[in-house]
Amino acid sequence: MLKMKASCERCSMKLGLSDQAFICSYECTFCPDCSETLRHVCPNCQGNLVMRPLRRTSPTEVPRARFKAKLETILS
């Protein structure tokens, strides 16, 4: 699973799950401004910085009750 880091590694700007951010293949994470300054090249590994996928919720959040009820109906 992709680790969604909560801040930019260069400027420490907070990055939420649905905020735009850029990552390399080692999951180094940078805000859009720092990524632009770095010309989309990771200073740690020299890899490309690409846009990080967005998440709406954390994988540790509990599913809503309706989801559980629907799943039980399907599996019964």
PDB file of N, CA and C in Angstrom:
ATOM      1  N   MET A   1       0.833  -1.168   0.000  1.00  0.00           N
ATOM      2  CA  MET A   1       0.000   0.000   0.000  1.00  0.00           C
ATOM      3  C   MET A   1       0.888   1.245   0.000  1.00  0.00           C
ATOM      4  N   LEU A   2       0.512   2.226  -0.763  1.00  0.00           N
ATOM      5  CA  LEU A   2       1.237   3.477  -0.866  1.00  0.00           C
ATOM      6  C   LEU A   2       1.133   4.261   0.439  1.00  0.00           C
ATOM      7  N   LYS A   3       2.272   4.681   0.976  1.00  0.00           N
ATOM      8  CA  LYS A   3       2.266   5.471   2.197  1.00  0.00           C
ATOM      9  C   LYS A   3       1.992   6.925   1.828  1.00  0.00           C
ATOM     10  N   MET A   4       0.940   7.475   2.401  1.00  0.00           N
ATOM     11  CA  MET A   4       0.543   8.851   2.134  1.00  0.00           C
ATOM     12  C   MET A   4       1.131   9.743   3.222  1.00  0.00           C
ATOM     13  N   LYS A   5       2.314  10.294   2.967  1.00  0.00           N
ATOM     14  CA  LYS A   5       2.982  11.131   3.955  1.00  0.00           C
ATOM     15  C   LYS A   5       2.212  12.437   4.140  1.00  0.00           C
ATOM     16  N   ALA A   6       2.238  12.944   5.366  1.00  0.00           N
ATOM     17  CA  ALA A   6       1.403  14.084   5.746  1.00  0.00           C
ATOM     18  C   ALA A   6       2.059  15.442   5.533  1.00  0.00           C
ATOM     19  N   SER A   7       3.316  15.475   5.064  1.00  0.00           N
ATOM     20  CA  SER A   7       3.962  16.770   4.857  1.00  0.00           C
ATOM     21  C   SER A   7       5.032  16.668   3.774  1.00  0.00           C
ATOM     22  N   CYS A   8       5.345  17.829   3.207  1.00  0.00           N
ATOM     23  CA  CYS A   8       6.385  17.934   2.179  1.00  0.00           C
ATOM     24  C   CYS A   8       7.744  17.718   2.845  1.00  0.00           C
ATOM     25  N   GLU A   9       8.600  16.945   2.213  1.00  0.00           N
ATOM     26  CA  GLU A   9       9.926  16.652   2.773  1.00  0.00           C
ATOM     27  C   GLU A   9      10.889  17.822   2.660  1.00  0.00           C
ATOM     28  N   ARG A  10      10.550  18.812   1.854  1.00  0.00           N
ATOM     29  CA  ARG A  10      11.447  19.954   1.657  1.00  0.00           C
ATOM     30  C   ARG A  10      11.046  21.158   2.505  1.00  0.00           C
ATOM     31  N   CYS A  11       9.754  21.501   2.516  1.00  0.00           N
ATOM     32  CA  CYS A  11       9.308  22.709   3.221  1.00  0.00           C
ATOM     33  C   CYS A  11       8.403  22.427   4.415  1.00  0.00           C
ATOM     34  N   SER A  12       8.062  21.166   4.642  1.00  0.00           N
ATOM     35  CA  SER A  12       7.203  20.728   5.761  1.00  0.00           C
ATOM     36  C   SER A  12       5.754  21.200   5.662  1.00  0.00           C
ATOM     37  N   MET A  13       5.309  21.589   4.482  1.00  0.00           N
ATOM     38  CA  MET A  13       3.912  21.979   4.291  1.00  0.00           C
ATOM     39  C   MET A  13       3.014  20.772   4.551  1.00  0.00           C
ATOM     40  N   LYS A  14       1.922  20.980   5.260  1.00  0.00           N
ATOM     41  CA  LYS A  14       0.977  19.899   5.542  1.00  0.00           C
ATOM     42  C   LYS A  14       0.311  19.447   4.245  1.00  0.00           C
ATOM     43  N   LEU A  15       0.160  18.124   4.095  1.00  0.00           N
ATOM     44  CA  LEU A  15      -0.468  17.543   2.907  1.00  0.00           C
ATOM     45  C   LEU A  15      -1.538  16.558   3.363  1.00  0.00           C
ATOM     46  N   GLY A  16      -2.787  16.862   3.063  1.00  0.00           N
ATOM     47  CA  GLY A  16      -3.884  15.969   3.398  1.00  0.00           C
ATOM     48  C   GLY A  16      -4.014  14.846   2.375  1.00  0.00           C
ATOM     49  N   LEU A  17      -4.889  13.889   2.667  1.00  0.00           N
ATOM     50  CA  LEU A  17      -5.086  12.750   1.766  1.00  0.00           C
ATOM     51  C   LEU A  17      -5.559  13.183   0.379  1.00  0.00           C
ATOM     52  N   SER A  18      -6.340  14.253   0.317  1.00  0.00           N
ATOM     53  CA  SER A  18      -6.867  14.686  -0.981  1.00  0.00           C
ATOM     54  C   SER A  18      -6.137  15.896  -1.538  1.00  0.00           C
ATOM     55  N   ASP A  19      -5.032  16.316  -0.900  1.00  0.00           N
ATOM     56  CA  ASP A  19      -4.233  17.432  -1.412  1.00  0.00           C
ATOM     57  C   ASP A  19      -3.305  16.956  -2.525  1.00  0.00           C
ATOM     58  N   GLN A  20      -3.053  17.836  -3.465  1.00  0.00           N
ATOM     59  CA  GLN A  20      -2.136  17.504  -4.551  1.00  0.00           C
ATOM     60  C   GLN A  20      -0.710  17.434  -4.000  1.00  0.00           C
ATOM     61  N   ALA A  21       0.001  16.388  -4.361  1.00  0.00           N
ATOM     62  CA  ALA A  21       1.396  16.197  -3.952  1.00  0.00           C
ATOM     63  C   ALA A  21       2.100  15.370  -5.022  1.00  0.00           C
ATOM     64  N   PHE A  22       3.423  15.373  -4.961  1.00  0.00           N
ATOM     65  CA  PHE A  22       4.223  14.631  -5.933  1.00  0.00           C
ATOM     66  C   PHE A  22       5.128  13.657  -5.201  1.00  0.00           C
ATOM     67  N   ILE A  23       5.308  12.451  -5.777  1.00  0.00           N
ATOM     68  CA  ILE A  23       6.119  11.404  -5.158  1.00  0.00           C
ATOM     69  C   ILE A  23       7.049  10.772  -6.182  1.00  0.00           C
ATOM     70  N   CYS A  24       8.124  10.147  -5.654  1.00  0.00           N
ATOM     71  CA  CYS A  24       9.009   9.342  -6.505  1.00  0.00           C
ATOM     72  C   CYS A  24       8.704   7.876  -6.234  1.00  0.00           C
ATOM     73  N   SER A  25       9.447   6.967  -6.828  1.00  0.00           N
ATOM     74  CA  SER A  25       9.186   5.539  -6.641  1.00  0.00           C
ATOM     75  C   SER A  25       9.508   5.059  -5.227  1.00  0.00           C
ATOM     76  N   TYR A  26      10.258   5.853  -4.465  1.00  0.00           N
ATOM     77  CA  TYR A  26      10.554   5.515  -3.068  1.00  0.00           C
ATOM     78  C   TYR A  26       9.606   6.222  -2.104  1.00  0.00           C
ATOM     79  N   GLU A  27       8.577   6.873  -2.641  1.00  0.00           N
ATOM     80  CA  GLU A  27       7.543   7.572  -1.888  1.00  0.00           C
ATOM     81  C   GLU A  27       8.044   8.824  -1.174  1.00  0.00           C
ATOM     82  N   CYS A  28       9.158   9.402  -1.648  1.00  0.00           N
ATOM     83  CA  CYS A  28       9.545  10.727  -1.169  1.00  0.00           C
ATOM     84  C   CYS A  28       8.418  11.660  -1.619  1.00  0.00           C
ATOM     85  N   THR A  29       7.994  12.554  -0.757  1.00  0.00           N
ATOM     86  CA  THR A  29       6.792  13.343  -1.009  1.00  0.00           C
ATOM     87  C   THR A  29       7.093  14.841  -0.980  1.00  0.00           C
ATOM     88  N   PHE A  30       6.587  15.560  -1.975  1.00  0.00           N
ATOM     89  CA  PHE A  30       6.827  16.993  -2.087  1.00  0.00           C
ATOM     90  C   PHE A  30       5.540  17.712  -2.487  1.00  0.00           C
ATOM     91  N   CYS A  31       5.385  18.943  -1.997  1.00  0.00           N
ATOM     92  CA  CYS A  31       4.239  19.769  -2.380  1.00  0.00           C
ATOM     93  C   CYS A  31       4.424  20.218  -3.834  1.00  0.00           C
ATOM     94  N   PRO A  32       3.372  20.730  -4.471  1.00  0.00           N
ATOM     95  CA  PRO A  32       3.496  21.169  -5.868  1.00  0.00           C
ATOM     96  C   PRO A  32       4.565  22.246  -6.079  1.00  0.00           C
ATOM     97  N   ASP A  33       4.668  23.213  -5.161  1.00  0.00           N
ATOM     98  CA  ASP A  33       5.653  24.281  -5.326  1.00  0.00           C
ATOM     99  C   ASP A  33       7.084  23.738  -5.278  1.00  0.00           C
ATOM    100  N   CYS A  34       7.372  22.876  -4.305  1.00  0.00           N
ATOM    101  CA  CYS A  34       8.717  22.306  -4.196  1.00  0.00           C
ATOM    102  C   CYS A  34       9.025  21.391  -5.374  1.00  0.00           C
ATOM    103  N   SER A  35       8.026  20.631  -5.810  1.00  0.00           N
ATOM    104  CA  SER A  35       8.226  19.752  -6.962  1.00  0.00           C
ATOM    105  C   SER A  35       8.590  20.559  -8.200  1.00  0.00           C
ATOM    106  N   GLU A  36       7.918  21.694  -8.386  1.00  0.00           N
ATOM    107  CA  GLU A  36       8.220  22.571  -9.523  1.00  0.00           C
ATOM    108  C   GLU A  36       9.636  23.129  -9.404  1.00  0.00           C
ATOM    109  N   THR A  37       9.999  23.564  -8.197  1.00  0.00           N
ATOM    110  CA  THR A  37      11.349  24.102  -7.956  1.00  0.00           C
ATOM    111  C   THR A  37      12.408  23.050  -8.247  1.00  0.00           C
ATOM    112  N   LEU A  38      12.107  21.796  -7.896  1.00  0.00           N
ATOM    113  CA  LEU A  38      13.040  20.689  -8.112  1.00  0.00           C
ATOM    114  C   LEU A  38      12.990  20.157  -9.546  1.00  0.00           C
ATOM    115  N   ARG A  39      12.149  20.781 -10.386  1.00  0.00           N
ATOM    116  CA  ARG A  39      11.967  20.365 -11.787  1.00  0.00           C
ATOM    117  C   ARG A  39      11.510  18.918 -11.905  1.00  0.00           C
ATOM    118  N   HIS A  40      10.684  18.513 -10.943  1.00  0.00           N
ATOM    119  CA  HIS A  40      10.082  17.173 -10.910  1.00  0.00           C
ATOM    120  C   HIS A  40      11.124  16.052 -10.868  1.00  0.00           C
ATOM    121  N   VAL A  41      12.251  16.321 -10.205  1.00  0.00           N
ATOM    122  CA  VAL A  41      13.301  15.315  -9.997  1.00  0.00           C
ATOM    123  C   VAL A  41      13.546  15.208  -8.494  1.00  0.00           C
ATOM    124  N   CYS A  42      13.465  14.000  -7.961  1.00  0.00           N
ATOM    125  CA  CYS A  42      13.669  13.777  -6.536  1.00  0.00           C
ATOM    126  C   CYS A  42      15.124  14.053  -6.156  1.00  0.00           C
ATOM    127  N   PRO A  43      15.361  14.898  -5.137  1.00  0.00           N
ATOM    128  CA  PRO A  43      16.735  15.186  -4.743  1.00  0.00           C
ATOM    129  C   PRO A  43      17.404  14.022  -4.005  1.00  0.00           C
ATOM    130  N   ASN A  44      16.598  13.072  -3.537  1.00  0.00           N
ATOM    131  CA  ASN A  44      17.135  11.930  -2.792  1.00  0.00           C
ATOM    132  C   ASN A  44      17.608  10.801  -3.696  1.00  0.00           C
ATOM    133  N   CYS A  45      16.813  10.472  -4.720  1.00  0.00           N
ATOM    134  CA  CYS A  45      17.141   9.315  -5.567  1.00  0.00           C
ATOM    135  C   CYS A  45      17.305   9.668  -7.043  1.00  0.00           C
ATOM    136  N   GLN A  46      17.059  10.936  -7.389  1.00  0.00           N
ATOM    137  CA  GLN A  46      17.139  11.419  -8.776  1.00  0.00           C
ATOM    138  C   GLN A  46      16.035  10.850  -9.665  1.00  0.00           C
ATOM    139  N   GLY A  47      15.017  10.226  -9.066  1.00  0.00           N
ATOM    140  CA  GLY A  47      13.896   9.694  -9.834  1.00  0.00           C
ATOM    141  C   GLY A  47      12.897  10.778 -10.194  1.00  0.00           C
ATOM    142  N   ASN A  48      11.977  10.453 -11.081  1.00  0.00           N
ATOM    143  CA  ASN A  48      10.924  11.386 -11.482  1.00  0.00           C
ATOM    144  C   ASN A  48       9.936  11.594 -10.348  1.00  0.00           C
ATOM    145  N   LEU A  49       9.458  12.819 -10.195  1.00  0.00           N
ATOM    146  CA  LEU A  49       8.370  13.111  -9.267  1.00  0.00           C
ATOM    147  C   LEU A  49       7.085  13.161 -10.078  1.00  0.00           C
ATOM    148  N   VAL A  50       6.136  12.323  -9.704  1.00  0.00           N
ATOM    149  CA  VAL A  50       4.853  12.257 -10.399  1.00  0.00           C
ATOM    150  C   VAL A  50       3.734  12.564  -9.403  1.00  0.00           C
ATOM    151  N   MET A  51       2.568  12.944  -9.936  1.00  0.00           N
ATOM    152  CA  MET A  51       1.458  13.286  -9.066  1.00  0.00           C
ATOM    153  C   MET A  51       1.024  12.071  -8.239  1.00  0.00           C
ATOM    154  N   ARG A  52       0.876  12.297  -6.946  1.00  0.00           N
ATOM    155  CA  ARG A  52       0.431  11.250  -6.027  1.00  0.00           C
ATOM    156  C   ARG A  52      -1.071  11.051  -6.199  1.00  0.00           C
ATOM    157  N   PRO A  53      -1.547   9.794  -6.196  1.00  0.00           N
ATOM    158  CA  PRO A  53      -2.990   9.568  -6.295  1.00  0.00           C
ATOM    159  C   PRO A  53      -3.703  10.165  -5.081  1.00  0.00           C
ATOM    160  N   LEU A  54      -4.954  10.553  -5.273  1.00  0.00           N
ATOM    161  CA  LEU A  54      -5.739  11.135  -4.185  1.00  0.00           C
ATOM    162  C   LEU A  54      -6.513  10.043  -3.456  1.00  0.00           C
ATOM    163  N   ARG A  55      -6.702  10.235  -2.163  1.00  0.00           N
ATOM    164  CA  ARG A  55      -7.568   9.353  -1.378  1.00  0.00           C
ATOM    165  C   ARG A  55      -8.625  10.209  -0.719  1.00  0.00           C
ATOM    166  N   ARG A  56      -9.816   9.682  -0.642  1.00  0.00           N
ATOM    167  CA  ARG A  56     -10.892  10.412   0.016  1.00  0.00           C
ATOM    168  C   ARG A  56     -10.936  10.083   1.508  1.00  0.00           C
ATOM    169  N   THR A  57     -10.564   8.864   1.860  1.00  0.00           N
ATOM    170  CA  THR A  57     -10.595   8.454   3.271  1.00  0.00           C
ATOM    171  C   THR A  57      -9.342   7.660   3.591  1.00  0.00           C
ATOM    172  N   SER A  58      -9.081   7.530   4.851  1.00  0.00           N
ATOM    173  CA  SER A  58      -7.944   6.738   5.309  1.00  0.00           C
ATOM    174  C   SER A  58      -8.335   5.264   5.306  1.00  0.00           C
ATOM    175  N   PRO A  59      -7.419   4.356   4.985  1.00  0.00           N
ATOM    176  CA  PRO A  59      -7.750   2.929   4.991  1.00  0.00           C
ATOM    177  C   PRO A  59      -8.054   2.420   6.397  1.00  0.00           C
ATOM    178  N   THR A  60      -7.724   3.174   7.415  1.00  0.00           N
ATOM    179  CA  THR A  60      -8.003   2.737   8.790  1.00  0.00           C
ATOM    180  C   THR A  60      -9.374   3.170   9.290  1.00  0.00           C
ATOM    181  N   GLU A  61     -10.089   3.979   8.495  1.00  0.00           N
ATOM    182  CA  GLU A  61     -11.427   4.390   8.903  1.00  0.00           C
ATOM    183  C   GLU A  61     -12.382   3.208   8.823  1.00  0.00           C
ATOM    184  N   VAL A  62     -13.333   3.186   9.744  1.00  0.00           N
ATOM    185  CA  VAL A  62     -14.322   2.102   9.796  1.00  0.00           C
ATOM    186  C   VAL A  62     -15.377   2.345   8.727  1.00  0.00           C
ATOM    187  N   PRO A  63     -15.752   1.296   7.968  1.00  0.00           N
ATOM    188  CA  PRO A  63     -16.786   1.461   6.944  1.00  0.00           C
ATOM    189  C   PRO A  63     -18.122   1.848   7.579  1.00  0.00           C
ATOM    190  N   ARG A  64     -18.921   2.556   6.815  1.00  0.00           N
ATOM    191  CA  ARG A  64     -20.241   2.962   7.295  1.00  0.00           C
ATOM    192  C   ARG A  64     -21.127   1.738   7.501  1.00  0.00           C
ATOM    193  N   ALA A  65     -22.076   1.851   8.398  1.00  0.00           N
ATOM    194  CA  ALA A  65     -22.976   0.746   8.731  1.00  0.00           C
ATOM    195  C   ALA A  65     -23.746   0.262   7.515  1.00  0.00           C
ATOM    196  N   ARG A  66     -24.170   1.163   6.653  1.00  0.00           N
ATOM    197  CA  ARG A  66     -24.917   0.752   5.455  1.00  0.00           C
ATOM    198  C   ARG A  66     -24.081  -0.171   4.593  1.00  0.00           C
ATOM    199  N   PHE A  67     -22.798   0.080   4.481  1.00  0.00           N
ATOM    200  CA  PHE A  67     -21.920  -0.774   3.690  1.00  0.00           C
ATOM    201  C   PHE A  67     -21.915  -2.190   4.259  1.00  0.00           C
ATOM    202  N   LYS A  68     -21.781  -2.289   5.575  1.00  0.00           N
ATOM    203  CA  LYS A  68     -21.762  -3.601   6.223  1.00  0.00           C
ATOM    204  C   LYS A  68     -23.073  -4.335   5.989  1.00  0.00           C
ATOM    205  N   ALA A  69     -24.191  -3.632   6.093  1.00  0.00           N
ATOM    206  CA  ALA A  69     -25.500  -4.259   5.874  1.00  0.00           C
ATOM    207  C   ALA A  69     -25.629  -4.748   4.431  1.00  0.00           C
ATOM    208  N   LYS A  70     -25.181  -3.950   3.474  1.00  0.00           N
ATOM    209  CA  LYS A  70     -25.232  -4.364   2.067  1.00  0.00           C
ATOM    210  C   LYS A  70     -24.353  -5.586   1.829  1.00  0.00           C
ATOM    211  N   LEU A  71     -23.156  -5.579   2.420  1.00  0.00           N
ATOM    212  CA  LEU A  71     -22.247  -6.701   2.260  1.00  0.00           C
ATOM    213  C   LEU A  71     -22.840  -7.976   2.850  1.00  0.00           C
ATOM    214  N   GLU A  72     -23.457  -7.891   4.026  1.00  0.00           N
ATOM    215  CA  GLU A  72     -24.086  -9.068   4.635  1.00  0.00           C
ATOM    216  C   GLU A  72     -25.219  -9.593   3.769  1.00  0.00           C
ATOM    217  N   THR A  73     -25.984  -8.703   3.144  1.00  0.00           N
ATOM    218  CA  THR A  73     -27.064  -9.103   2.257  1.00  0.00           C
ATOM    219  C   THR A  73     -26.508  -9.848   1.044  1.00  0.00           C
ATOM    220  N   ILE A  74     -25.460  -9.338   0.486  1.00  0.00           N
ATOM    221  CA  ILE A  74     -24.857  -9.975  -0.695  1.00  0.00           C
ATOM    222  C   ILE A  74     -24.292 -11.346  -0.353  1.00  0.00           C
ATOM    223  N   LEU A  75     -23.658 -11.456   0.789  1.00  0.00           N
ATOM    224  CA  LEU A  75     -23.019 -12.715   1.174  1.00  0.00           C
ATOM    225  C   LEU A  75     -23.991 -13.755   1.738  1.00  0.00           C
ATOM    226  N   SER A  76     -25.222 -13.359   2.056  1.00  0.00           N
ATOM    227  CA  SER A  76     -26.175 -14.336   2.610  1.00  0.00           C
ATOM    228  C   SER A  76     -26.842 -15.159   1.555  1.00  0.00           C
TER     229      SER A  76
END
